[in-house]
Each structure stands twice: as structure tokens, then as C-alpha cells.
Protein backbone atom coordinates (compact mmCIF):
# COMPACT_ATOMS: atom_id res chain seq x y z
CA UNK A 1 18.66 13.03 20.48
CA UNK A 2 20.04 9.76 21.86
CA UNK A 3 23.04 8.27 20.12
CA UNK A 4 21.14 5.25 18.86
CA UNK A 5 18.44 7.20 17.01
CA UNK A 6 19.60 7.53 13.41
CA UNK A 7 19.51 10.97 11.74
CA UNK A 8 16.80 10.17 9.17
CA UNK A 9 14.30 8.71 11.62
CA UNK A 10 10.89 10.20 10.87
CA UNK A 11 8.99 9.13 13.99
CA UNK A 12 11.61 10.08 16.53
CA UNK A 13 9.21 10.72 19.44
CA UNK A 14 7.51 7.33 19.11
CA UNK A 15 10.77 5.43 18.72
CA UNK A 16 12.39 7.14 21.72
CA UNK A 17 9.52 6.04 23.99
CA UNK A 18 10.07 2.35 23.29
CA UNK A 19 12.24 0.15 25.55
CA UNK A 20 15.68 -0.51 24.12
CA UNK A 21 15.13 -3.91 22.43
CA UNK A 22 11.78 -3.06 20.79
CA UNK A 23 13.30 0.24 19.70
CA UNK A 24 16.23 -1.56 18.12
CA UNK A 25 13.99 -4.07 16.36
CA UNK A 26 11.76 -1.26 15.06
CA UNK A 27 14.82 0.53 13.71
CA UNK A 28 16.19 -2.68 12.26
CA UNK A 29 13.00 -3.12 10.22
CA UNK A 30 12.93 0.65 9.47
CA UNK A 31 9.48 1.08 11.01
CA UNK A 32 10.69 4.58 11.92
CA UNK A 33 11.15 5.38 8.21
CA UNK A 34 7.90 4.58 6.42
CA UNK A 35 9.06 6.01 3.11
CA UNK A 36 10.50 2.58 2.26
CA UNK A 37 7.24 0.71 2.52
CA UNK A 38 5.43 3.52 0.71
CA UNK A 39 7.81 3.07 -2.21
CA UNK A 40 7.35 -0.71 -2.08
CA UNK A 41 3.56 -0.39 -1.88
CA UNK A 42 2.95 2.06 -4.70
CA UNK A 43 3.90 -0.31 -7.58
CA UNK A 44 1.43 -2.84 -6.11
CA UNK A 45 -1.24 -0.15 -6.21
CA UNK A 46 -0.26 0.71 -9.78
CA UNK A 47 -0.93 -2.89 -10.79
CA UNK A 48 -4.20 -3.17 -8.88
CA UNK A 49 -5.70 0.08 -10.11
CA UNK A 50 -4.45 -0.18 -13.68
CA UNK A 51 -6.09 -3.62 -13.91
CA UNK A 52 -9.45 -1.87 -13.88
CA UNK A 53 -11.16 -3.95 -11.20
CA UNK A 54 -12.18 -0.98 -9.06
CA UNK A 55 -10.62 0.25 -5.80
CA UNK A 56 -9.91 -3.23 -4.38
CA UNK A 57 -9.22 -1.77 -0.91
CA UNK A 58 -9.08 -5.17 0.79
CA UNK A 59 -6.41 -6.39 -1.64
CA UNK A 60 -4.45 -3.15 -1.24
CA UNK A 61 -4.67 -3.62 2.53
CA UNK A 62 -2.99 -7.02 2.22
CA UNK A 63 -0.34 -5.51 -0.05
CA UNK A 64 0.23 -2.78 2.55
CA UNK A 65 0.81 -5.36 5.28
CA UNK A 66 3.10 -7.27 2.95
CA UNK A 67 5.03 -4.13 2.01
CA UNK A 68 5.65 -3.22 5.66
CA UNK A 69 6.67 -6.76 6.62
CA UNK A 70 8.80 -7.58 3.60
CA UNK A 71 10.46 -4.18 3.44
CA UNK A 72 11.31 -4.74 7.11
CA UNK A 73 12.61 -8.24 6.39
CA UNK A 74 14.70 -6.94 3.50
CA UNK A 75 16.23 -4.25 5.71
CA UNK A 76 17.03 -6.77 8.46
CA UNK A 77 18.69 -9.07 5.92
CA UNK A 78 20.59 -6.16 4.40
CA UNK A 79 21.85 -5.06 7.82
CA UNK A 80 23.00 -8.59 8.69
CA UNK A 81 24.95 -8.86 5.44
CA UNK A 82 26.29 -5.28 5.57
CA UNK A 83 27.11 -5.05 9.28
CA UNK A 84 30.82 -4.36 8.74
CA UNK A 85 30.23 -1.90 5.90
CA UNK A 86 27.54 -0.07 7.86
CA UNK A 87 29.91 0.32 10.80
CA UNK A 88 32.31 2.18 8.47
CA UNK A 89 29.75 4.73 7.22
CA UNK A 90 28.80 7.63 9.46
CA UNK A 91 25.10 7.61 8.55
CA UNK A 92 24.68 3.87 9.16
CA UNK A 93 27.13 3.22 12.01
CA UNK A 94 24.36 3.57 14.63
CA UNK A 95 22.22 0.82 13.10
CA UNK A 96 21.42 -1.91 15.66
CA UNK A 97 23.45 -4.75 14.14
CA UNK A 98 26.36 -2.57 12.97
CA UNK A 99 26.66 -0.99 16.43
CA UNK A 100 26.42 -4.35 18.20
CA UNK A 101 23.24 -3.54 20.14
CA UNK A 102 21.42 -6.42 18.41
CA UNK A 103 23.18 -9.73 17.81
CA UNK A 104 22.94 -11.42 14.42
CA UNK A 105 21.12 -14.33 16.09
CA UNK A 106 18.36 -12.03 17.33
CA UNK A 107 18.30 -10.29 13.94
CA UNK A 108 17.79 -13.62 12.15
CA UNK A 109 14.91 -14.44 14.49
CA UNK A 110 13.28 -11.09 13.76
CA UNK A 111 13.79 -11.69 10.04
CA UNK A 112 12.00 -15.05 10.23
CA UNK A 113 9.07 -13.50 12.11
CA UNK A 114 8.66 -10.78 9.47
CA UNK A 115 8.84 -13.39 6.71
CA UNK A 116 6.04 -15.34 8.38
CA UNK A 117 3.86 -12.23 8.13
CA UNK A 118 4.83 -12.05 4.47
CA UNK A 119 3.79 -15.69 4.09
CA UNK A 120 0.38 -14.89 5.56
CA UNK A 121 -0.06 -12.21 2.90
CA UNK A 122 1.17 -14.57 0.18
CA UNK A 123 -1.50 -17.11 1.09
CA UNK A 124 -4.21 -14.54 0.33
CA UNK A 125 -3.22 -14.51 -3.35
CA UNK A 126 -4.14 -16.83 -6.21
CA UNK A 127 -1.58 -19.50 -7.13
CA UNK A 128 -0.23 -17.68 -10.19
CA UNK A 129 0.41 -14.51 -8.18
CA UNK A 130 2.07 -16.57 -5.45
CA UNK A 131 4.47 -18.06 -7.99
CA UNK A 132 5.33 -14.61 -9.36
CA UNK A 133 5.91 -13.30 -5.82
CA UNK A 134 8.20 -16.20 -4.89
CA UNK A 135 10.21 -15.65 -8.08
CA UNK A 136 11.49 -12.39 -6.58
CA UNK A 137 13.33 -14.09 -3.71
CA UNK A 138 16.55 -14.63 -5.68
CA UNK A 139 16.64 -10.93 -6.62
CA UNK A 140 16.03 -9.93 -3.00
CA UNK A 141 18.75 -12.24 -1.67
CA UNK A 142 21.32 -10.94 -4.15
CA UNK A 143 20.63 -7.22 -3.69
CA UNK A 144 22.93 -6.49 -0.69
CA UNK A 145 25.89 -7.78 -2.71
CA UNK A 146 25.24 -5.62 -5.78
CA UNK A 147 26.89 -2.53 -4.27
CA UNK A 148 30.12 -4.54 -4.15
CA UNK A 149 30.15 -5.61 -7.80
CA UNK A 150 28.35 -2.94 -9.86
CA UNK A 151 28.10 0.83 -10.00
CA UNK A 152 24.36 0.41 -10.56
CA UNK A 153 22.92 -1.39 -7.51
CA UNK A 154 19.99 1.02 -7.87
CA UNK A 155 18.96 -0.83 -11.05
CA UNK A 156 18.83 -4.10 -9.13
CA UNK A 157 16.86 -2.37 -6.39
CA UNK A 158 14.46 -1.17 -9.08
CA UNK A 159 13.76 -4.74 -10.17
CA UNK A 160 13.16 -5.78 -6.56
CA UNK A 161 11.11 -2.81 -5.37
CA UNK A 162 8.72 -2.91 -8.31
CA UNK A 163 8.05 -6.64 -8.34
CA UNK A 164 4.73 -5.99 -6.60
CA UNK A 165 3.48 -4.45 -9.86
CA UNK A 166 3.79 -7.88 -11.52
CA UNK A 167 2.27 -9.67 -8.54
CA UNK A 168 -0.73 -7.35 -8.37
CA UNK A 169 -1.36 -7.56 -12.10
CA UNK A 170 -1.16 -11.36 -12.07
CA UNK A 171 -3.63 -11.44 -9.19
CA UNK A 172 -6.25 -9.71 -11.34
CA UNK A 173 -5.56 -10.41 -15.00
CA UNK A 174 -3.26 -12.12 -17.53
CA UNK A 175 -3.14 -9.87 -20.58
CA UNK A 176 -1.53 -6.64 -21.88
CA UNK A 177 1.95 -7.83 -20.93
CA UNK A 178 3.58 -5.40 -23.37
CA UNK A 179 2.01 -2.45 -21.56
CA UNK A 180 2.92 -3.90 -18.18
CA UNK A 181 6.55 -4.48 -19.27
CA UNK A 182 6.89 -0.84 -20.30
CA UNK A 183 5.43 0.41 -17.02
CA UNK A 184 7.68 -1.96 -15.05
CA UNK A 185 10.74 -0.67 -16.94
CA UNK A 186 9.61 2.88 -16.20
CA UNK A 187 9.34 2.02 -12.52
CA UNK A 188 12.91 0.70 -12.55
CA UNK A 189 14.11 4.02 -14.00
CA UNK A 190 12.11 5.83 -11.31
CA UNK A 191 13.91 3.86 -8.59
CA UNK A 192 17.31 4.53 -10.15
CA UNK A 193 16.48 8.24 -10.14
CA UNK A 194 15.21 8.53 -6.58
CA UNK A 195 17.75 6.15 -5.06
CA UNK A 196 20.55 8.10 -6.73
CA UNK A 197 19.20 11.16 -4.93
CA UNK A 198 19.23 9.18 -1.67
CA UNK A 199 22.81 7.97 -2.32
CA UNK A 200 24.04 11.56 -2.63
CA UNK A 201 24.12 11.61 1.19
CA UNK A 202 26.76 8.87 1.33
CA UNK A 203 29.08 9.65 -1.56
CA UNK A 204 32.14 10.48 0.53
CA UNK A 205 31.75 7.56 2.94
CA UNK A 206 30.90 5.13 0.14
CA UNK A 207 34.03 6.12 -1.77
CA UNK A 208 36.18 5.59 1.33
CA UNK A 209 34.91 2.08 2.09
CA UNK A 210 34.58 0.92 -1.53
CA UNK A 211 30.80 0.85 -1.87
CA UNK A 212 29.59 1.46 -5.43
CA UNK A 213 26.54 3.52 -6.34
CA UNK A 214 25.00 5.38 -9.24
CA UNK A 215 25.62 8.66 -7.38
CA UNK A 216 29.37 8.00 -7.43
CA UNK A 217 29.26 6.78 -11.02
CA UNK A 218 27.50 9.93 -12.21
CA UNK A 219 29.92 12.17 -10.32
CA UNK A 220 29.32 15.87 -10.90
CA UNK A 221 26.77 15.03 -13.60
CA UNK A 222 24.34 13.55 -11.09
CA UNK A 223 21.64 16.14 -11.83
CA UNK A 224 21.63 15.37 -15.54
CA UNK A 225 21.72 11.66 -14.75
CA UNK A 226 18.72 11.82 -12.45
CA UNK A 227 16.88 13.98 -15.00
CA UNK A 228 17.61 11.42 -17.73
CA UNK A 229 16.28 8.54 -15.65
CA UNK A 230 13.19 10.50 -14.67
CA UNK A 231 12.62 11.39 -18.33
CA UNK A 232 12.92 7.70 -19.19
CA UNK A 233 10.45 6.96 -16.40
CA UNK A 234 7.78 9.21 -17.89
CA UNK A 235 8.56 8.06 -21.43
CA UNK A 236 8.20 4.38 -20.55
CA UNK A 237 5.10 4.98 -18.44
CA UNK A 238 3.65 6.91 -21.36
CA UNK A 239 4.46 4.03 -23.71
CA UNK A 240 2.82 1.56 -21.34
CA UNK A 241 -0.27 3.72 -21.02
CA UNK A 242 -0.53 4.10 -24.79
CA UNK A 243 -0.19 0.35 -25.34
CA UNK A 244 -2.90 -0.21 -22.75
CA UNK A 245 -5.29 2.64 -23.63
CA UNK A 246 -4.25 4.61 -26.74
CA UNK A 247 -5.79 8.02 -26.19
CA UNK A 248 -4.40 11.43 -25.38
CA UNK A 249 -6.46 11.84 -22.20
CA UNK A 250 -4.83 8.77 -20.71
CA UNK A 251 -1.40 10.24 -21.40
CA UNK A 252 -2.40 13.56 -19.82
CA UNK A 253 -2.97 11.79 -16.49
CA UNK A 254 0.81 11.43 -16.27
CA UNK A 255 1.34 15.20 -16.35
CA UNK A 256 1.13 15.75 -12.55
CA UNK A 257 3.72 13.09 -11.76
CA UNK A 258 5.94 14.37 -14.59
CA UNK A 259 5.81 17.87 -13.10
CA UNK A 260 6.61 16.52 -9.65
CA UNK A 261 9.71 14.66 -10.88
CA UNK A 262 10.79 17.80 -12.74
CA UNK A 263 10.46 19.76 -9.49
CA UNK A 264 12.67 17.23 -7.71
CA UNK A 265 15.48 17.67 -10.23
CA UNK A 266 15.14 21.46 -10.45
CA UNK A 267 15.32 21.93 -6.67
CA UNK A 268 17.91 19.24 -5.87
CA UNK A 269 20.77 20.71 -3.83
CA UNK A 270 23.33 18.24 -2.41
CA UNK A 271 25.13 21.08 -0.62
CA UNK A 272 22.16 21.31 1.74
CA UNK A 273 22.36 18.17 3.94
CA UNK A 274 18.57 17.97 4.32
CA UNK A 275 17.72 18.52 0.65
CA UNK A 276 18.47 15.11 -0.94
CA UNK A 277 16.64 13.25 1.82
CA UNK A 278 13.63 15.56 1.47
CA UNK A 279 13.55 15.13 -2.32
CA UNK A 280 13.90 11.37 -1.94
CA UNK A 281 11.03 11.21 0.54
CA UNK A 282 8.83 13.28 -1.74
CA UNK A 283 8.59 10.25 -3.99
CA UNK A 284 5.77 8.98 -1.80
CA UNK A 285 3.76 11.78 -3.47
CA UNK A 286 5.14 10.91 -6.90
CA UNK A 287 3.87 7.38 -6.30
CA UNK A 288 0.48 8.70 -5.20
CA UNK A 289 0.18 10.79 -8.37
CA UNK A 290 1.06 7.81 -10.55
CA UNK A 291 -1.41 5.64 -8.63
CA UNK A 292 -4.20 8.16 -9.30
CA UNK A 293 -3.27 8.13 -12.99
CA UNK A 294 -3.44 4.32 -13.01
CA UNK A 295 -6.88 4.36 -11.39
CA UNK A 296 -8.24 6.84 -13.93
CA UNK A 297 -6.73 4.94 -16.86
CA UNK A 298 -7.75 1.51 -15.62
CA UNK A 299 -11.27 2.39 -14.59
CA UNK A 300 -12.26 4.95 -17.23
CA UNK A 301 -15.52 3.87 -18.76
CA UNK A 302 -15.81 0.90 -16.40
């Protein structure tokens, strides 16, 4: 493994074949770690499929492009802001900006290009959905600074990463806001849970350089903390489902995702270096299970 390929790269073979600058730009946007755009995409799919307008594959395709581009843009922005902090943490020291392989000027140019792709996606949406999408920019801009001022940056990340749920819903309908609010709150708890698992990898380094996280805040009670947030996730999703379609069958569609989150907590082992990352990545399947539930609930009887 070359020194500039980070440990959690998923597509190592593909990334290693690229010339140095394209490789660095791909890593900067985390194209080598698709779990991020999966987790950004799934709430969009929740909103689309729960709205009950059918599969809407073309719309989901635009959301997929937007998730890849804007997750990439967010990562580039985060790495520009956090360059000094990243250089102090073993897991992130090899990142292109932190290591000095990519200048901040080049990184800003790459960020603008990715945002232009995001703009293309934005223009495919109705005006109301565009306004909702643009309202997230302040949250996105503030996120990299949250780890400096609060022990719960994961909560802020939850608001950012699940904004697509609100955008997708607004694209298709304008009612049942109580149900949507409950599902959005559940999604935030889901992010706090899975990003706490992810942060377990960095607890020692974060403590040394003064970065705050929910994993550090929970301390040795991290397992109970993650379990509590996952329980809140299912509870709030259940509330949202009941407000939207009050029948027991609709609630039962949440059972597979509830079992999956339970499995994550039961098998979480921070002493195994690969375990937290594996459990974190498994949330792409948790998102898929919730998406299926949303499709069944939204389209039942349609």
C-alpha cells in the first residue's frame, strides 16, 4: 500500500491506478469511500418513496448525482478548514490537503467544480424544493467548526446529512409535516449513533488534539449511548410512520432495520480495529432496509 492511500479506502485498486493528481482529487472528494454518499442518498430516497409517488427512478438518479457531488464538496471544504487538525491525527494525516500534496488553491477550485454539479441537480427541482435545499448551506458551512465547540458535532452532522429528506418530500408533496418531522428527528438520532461508532476509531487522537466528539463524551458507556440513540431512531421513525399511516402493518416494516441496528450494537467491538469501521459501513444496508419500508408504507394501496 502506498503511503498516500488512506487506511479506510474501499476501492484501493482503482485509486492506485490513477495518476497522482486525479488520485488526490478523488481522495479529497472521498470517491474512494462511497459509504458517505450512500448515507447522504438514503434520506432522499426515504422522502421520495414515502411520498407515495411510485419508484421515481429518474428523480432518485438526480439525487444520487447530487449526493456524490455535494458529499464530495463537503469533504473538500472540511479538509480545507481542518488541514492542521487532520495533520495531527494519524488516520487523517495522509489526506491530500493535510499532507500538502494538494494546495488549498487547487482544493478550492475542485470544490467549486463539485458545487457546479450540485447546481445542475438543484435546477432539476421545483422552486420550493430548491429553496429548502439552499437553506441547508449555513448548516453545511458551520459543520467543520462544531467539533471545536461542542461534544455533539454528530448531532449537527445529522441535521446536514438528512436534509435531503426534506428536499425530496417538498419536491413531491406539502402535507403530513408532523410525520416528516418525526422521521427527520429519527434520522438525526441514526446519524448520531452511526457516527459515534465511526468516531471510536479516533478517540485517542481526538483527545490529544482537542477535537470533541460524542464518542469521547460517552466514554466507556459508548455502547449504551449508541443503543439509546438507535432506540430513539426506531421510536421516532415508528411515530412518524404512525402519524402518516396508522396501522400495525406499517410499523412492522421497520422490524428489519430495527434488528439490523440491534446487531450493530450487539457486535460492536472497539478493541478490534476493523470492527467499528465495518459496523459504520453496514449502515448502507440499514438505509436500504428503511428505504424499502418507506416504499411499502408510501405506496401501499396506491
